[in-house]
Amino acid sequence: MNVFINQNAVQLPDGATVADAVAHLAPQPPFAVAVNLQFVPSARYAAHALQSGDQIEIIAPVTGG
């Protein structure tokens, strides 16, 4: 299936979950994930199934002032 991770087109296998998307990008913690602008808690990564065309954002917090 085709999804977008941080606005880049990515091919993931059918039945992929948020955990698969995170594994594909392999971000350094800490980070947060949203699918179609909806926050997904880390405890739900493996259970949250993705659909073709989903927009996944994996973002790191920014510190400073």
N, C-alpha and C. Protein backbone atom coordinates (compact mmCIF):
# COMPACT_ATOMS: atom_id res chain seq x y z
N MET A 1 0.84 -1.17 0.00
CA MET A 1 0.00 0.00 0.00
C MET A 1 0.88 1.23 0.00
N ASN A 2 0.37 2.29 -0.56
CA ASN A 2 1.09 3.57 -0.60
C ASN A 2 0.58 4.47 0.52
N VAL A 3 1.51 4.96 1.33
CA VAL A 3 1.20 5.93 2.37
C VAL A 3 2.22 7.07 2.26
N PHE A 4 2.03 8.07 3.06
CA PHE A 4 2.97 9.18 3.12
C PHE A 4 3.51 9.28 4.54
N ILE A 5 4.82 9.25 4.68
CA ILE A 5 5.46 9.44 5.97
C ILE A 5 6.24 10.74 5.89
N ASN A 6 5.84 11.70 6.72
CA ASN A 6 6.46 13.03 6.70
C ASN A 6 6.48 13.60 5.28
N GLN A 7 5.37 13.44 4.60
CA GLN A 7 5.11 13.99 3.26
C GLN A 7 5.90 13.29 2.15
N ASN A 8 6.53 12.15 2.45
CA ASN A 8 7.25 11.37 1.44
C ASN A 8 6.47 10.10 1.15
N ALA A 9 6.27 9.80 -0.12
CA ALA A 9 5.56 8.58 -0.51
C ALA A 9 6.39 7.37 -0.12
N VAL A 10 5.72 6.39 0.52
CA VAL A 10 6.38 5.18 0.99
C VAL A 10 5.47 4.00 0.66
N GLN A 11 6.08 2.92 0.23
CA GLN A 11 5.35 1.67 -0.03
C GLN A 11 5.51 0.77 1.19
N LEU A 12 4.38 0.40 1.83
CA LEU A 12 4.39 -0.54 2.94
C LEU A 12 3.54 -1.74 2.55
N PRO A 13 3.77 -2.88 3.18
CA PRO A 13 2.96 -4.06 2.84
C PRO A 13 1.50 -3.89 3.26
N ASP A 14 0.60 -4.56 2.56
CA ASP A 14 -0.81 -4.54 2.96
C ASP A 14 -0.91 -5.03 4.40
N GLY A 15 -1.80 -4.40 5.17
CA GLY A 15 -1.97 -4.77 6.57
C GLY A 15 -0.96 -4.12 7.49
N ALA A 16 -0.18 -3.17 6.98
CA ALA A 16 0.84 -2.50 7.80
C ALA A 16 0.18 -1.69 8.91
N THR A 17 0.92 -1.52 9.99
CA THR A 17 0.46 -0.75 11.14
C THR A 17 1.36 0.46 11.35
N VAL A 18 0.99 1.27 12.31
CA VAL A 18 1.83 2.41 12.67
C VAL A 18 3.21 1.91 13.10
N ALA A 19 3.27 0.78 13.77
CA ALA A 19 4.57 0.22 14.17
C ALA A 19 5.45 -0.04 12.96
N ASP A 20 4.87 -0.51 11.86
CA ASP A 20 5.64 -0.74 10.64
C ASP A 20 6.16 0.58 10.06
N ALA A 21 5.34 1.62 10.09
CA ALA A 21 5.76 2.93 9.59
C ALA A 21 6.90 3.49 10.43
N VAL A 22 6.79 3.33 11.74
CA VAL A 22 7.86 3.80 12.63
C VAL A 22 9.15 3.01 12.36
N ALA A 23 9.04 1.71 12.19
CA ALA A 23 10.21 0.88 11.90
C ALA A 23 10.84 1.28 10.57
N HIS A 24 10.02 1.65 9.60
CA HIS A 24 10.53 2.06 8.29
C HIS A 24 11.39 3.32 8.42
N LEU A 25 10.93 4.28 9.21
CA LEU A 25 11.66 5.54 9.35
C LEU A 25 12.78 5.44 10.39
N ALA A 26 12.60 4.59 11.40
CA ALA A 26 13.58 4.38 12.48
C ALA A 26 14.01 5.69 13.14
N PRO A 27 13.06 6.47 13.65
CA PRO A 27 13.42 7.74 14.30
C PRO A 27 14.06 7.52 15.66
N GLN A 28 14.84 8.49 16.09
CA GLN A 28 15.44 8.46 17.41
C GLN A 28 14.44 9.02 18.43
N PRO A 29 14.21 8.32 19.54
CA PRO A 29 13.30 8.85 20.57
C PRO A 29 13.88 10.13 21.16
N PRO A 30 13.05 11.01 21.66
CA PRO A 30 11.60 10.91 21.73
C PRO A 30 10.96 11.40 20.43
N PHE A 31 9.78 10.88 20.13
CA PHE A 31 9.02 11.31 18.96
C PHE A 31 7.55 11.02 19.21
N ALA A 32 6.72 11.64 18.41
CA ALA A 32 5.27 11.42 18.47
C ALA A 32 4.79 11.08 17.07
N VAL A 33 3.66 10.38 16.99
CA VAL A 33 3.11 9.95 15.71
C VAL A 33 1.66 10.40 15.59
N ALA A 34 1.33 10.91 14.41
CA ALA A 34 -0.06 11.24 14.08
C ALA A 34 -0.38 10.60 12.73
N VAL A 35 -1.60 10.08 12.61
CA VAL A 35 -2.09 9.53 11.35
C VAL A 35 -3.30 10.37 10.96
N ASN A 36 -3.21 10.99 9.79
CA ASN A 36 -4.28 11.87 9.31
C ASN A 36 -4.64 12.92 10.36
N LEU A 37 -3.59 13.49 10.97
CA LEU A 37 -3.67 14.57 11.96
C LEU A 37 -4.23 14.13 13.30
N GLN A 38 -4.37 12.82 13.54
CA GLN A 38 -4.85 12.30 14.82
C GLN A 38 -3.69 11.63 15.55
N PHE A 39 -3.39 12.11 16.77
CA PHE A 39 -2.31 11.54 17.58
C PHE A 39 -2.57 10.06 17.84
N VAL A 40 -1.51 9.25 17.74
CA VAL A 40 -1.59 7.82 18.05
C VAL A 40 -0.63 7.54 19.20
N PRO A 41 -1.15 7.11 20.37
CA PRO A 41 -0.25 6.82 21.49
C PRO A 41 0.63 5.61 21.19
N SER A 42 1.83 5.59 21.76
CA SER A 42 2.78 4.52 21.46
C SER A 42 2.22 3.14 21.80
N ALA A 43 1.37 3.04 22.78
CA ALA A 43 0.78 1.74 23.15
C ALA A 43 -0.12 1.20 22.04
N ARG A 44 -0.54 2.04 21.08
CA ARG A 44 -1.44 1.62 20.02
C ARG A 44 -0.75 1.43 18.67
N TYR A 45 0.57 1.64 18.60
CA TYR A 45 1.27 1.54 17.32
C TYR A 45 1.02 0.21 16.61
N ALA A 46 1.13 -0.91 17.35
CA ALA A 46 1.00 -2.23 16.73
C ALA A 46 -0.45 -2.55 16.35
N ALA A 47 -1.41 -1.90 16.99
CA ALA A 47 -2.83 -2.19 16.74
C ALA A 47 -3.46 -1.25 15.72
N HIS A 48 -2.84 -0.11 15.45
CA HIS A 48 -3.43 0.88 14.56
C HIS A 48 -3.09 0.53 13.10
N ALA A 49 -4.06 -0.05 12.41
CA ALA A 49 -3.87 -0.44 11.00
C ALA A 49 -3.88 0.80 10.11
N LEU A 50 -3.03 0.77 9.11
CA LEU A 50 -2.97 1.87 8.14
C LEU A 50 -3.78 1.52 6.90
N GLN A 51 -4.23 2.55 6.21
CA GLN A 51 -4.94 2.42 4.95
C GLN A 51 -4.13 3.11 3.86
N SER A 52 -4.28 2.64 2.65
CA SER A 52 -3.59 3.28 1.54
C SER A 52 -3.97 4.76 1.49
N GLY A 53 -2.96 5.61 1.32
CA GLY A 53 -3.19 7.05 1.25
C GLY A 53 -3.08 7.77 2.59
N ASP A 54 -2.94 7.02 3.69
CA ASP A 54 -2.82 7.66 5.00
C ASP A 54 -1.61 8.59 5.03
N GLN A 55 -1.77 9.67 5.78
CA GLN A 55 -0.71 10.65 6.00
C GLN A 55 -0.17 10.43 7.41
N ILE A 56 1.07 9.98 7.52
CA ILE A 56 1.68 9.71 8.82
C ILE A 56 2.75 10.76 9.07
N GLU A 57 2.67 11.37 10.23
CA GLU A 57 3.68 12.35 10.63
C GLU A 57 4.40 11.79 11.85
N ILE A 58 5.71 11.70 11.77
CA ILE A 58 6.54 11.27 12.89
C ILE A 58 7.44 12.45 13.21
N ILE A 59 7.19 13.05 14.37
CA ILE A 59 7.86 14.29 14.71
C ILE A 59 8.57 14.21 16.05
N ALA A 60 9.67 14.94 16.15
CA ALA A 60 10.44 15.04 17.39
C ALA A 60 10.13 16.38 18.05
N PRO A 61 10.12 16.41 19.37
CA PRO A 61 9.89 17.70 20.04
C PRO A 61 11.04 18.65 19.79
N VAL A 62 10.72 19.92 19.80
CA VAL A 62 11.73 20.98 19.64
C VAL A 62 11.85 21.71 20.96
N THR A 63 13.07 21.86 21.42
CA THR A 63 13.30 22.57 22.68
C THR A 63 13.98 23.89 22.40
N GLY A 64 13.91 24.74 23.36
CA GLY A 64 14.55 26.05 23.22
C GLY A 64 13.56 27.16 23.46
N GLY A 65 14.04 28.37 23.25
CA GLY A 65 13.16 29.47 23.55
C GLY A 65 13.19 30.55 22.52
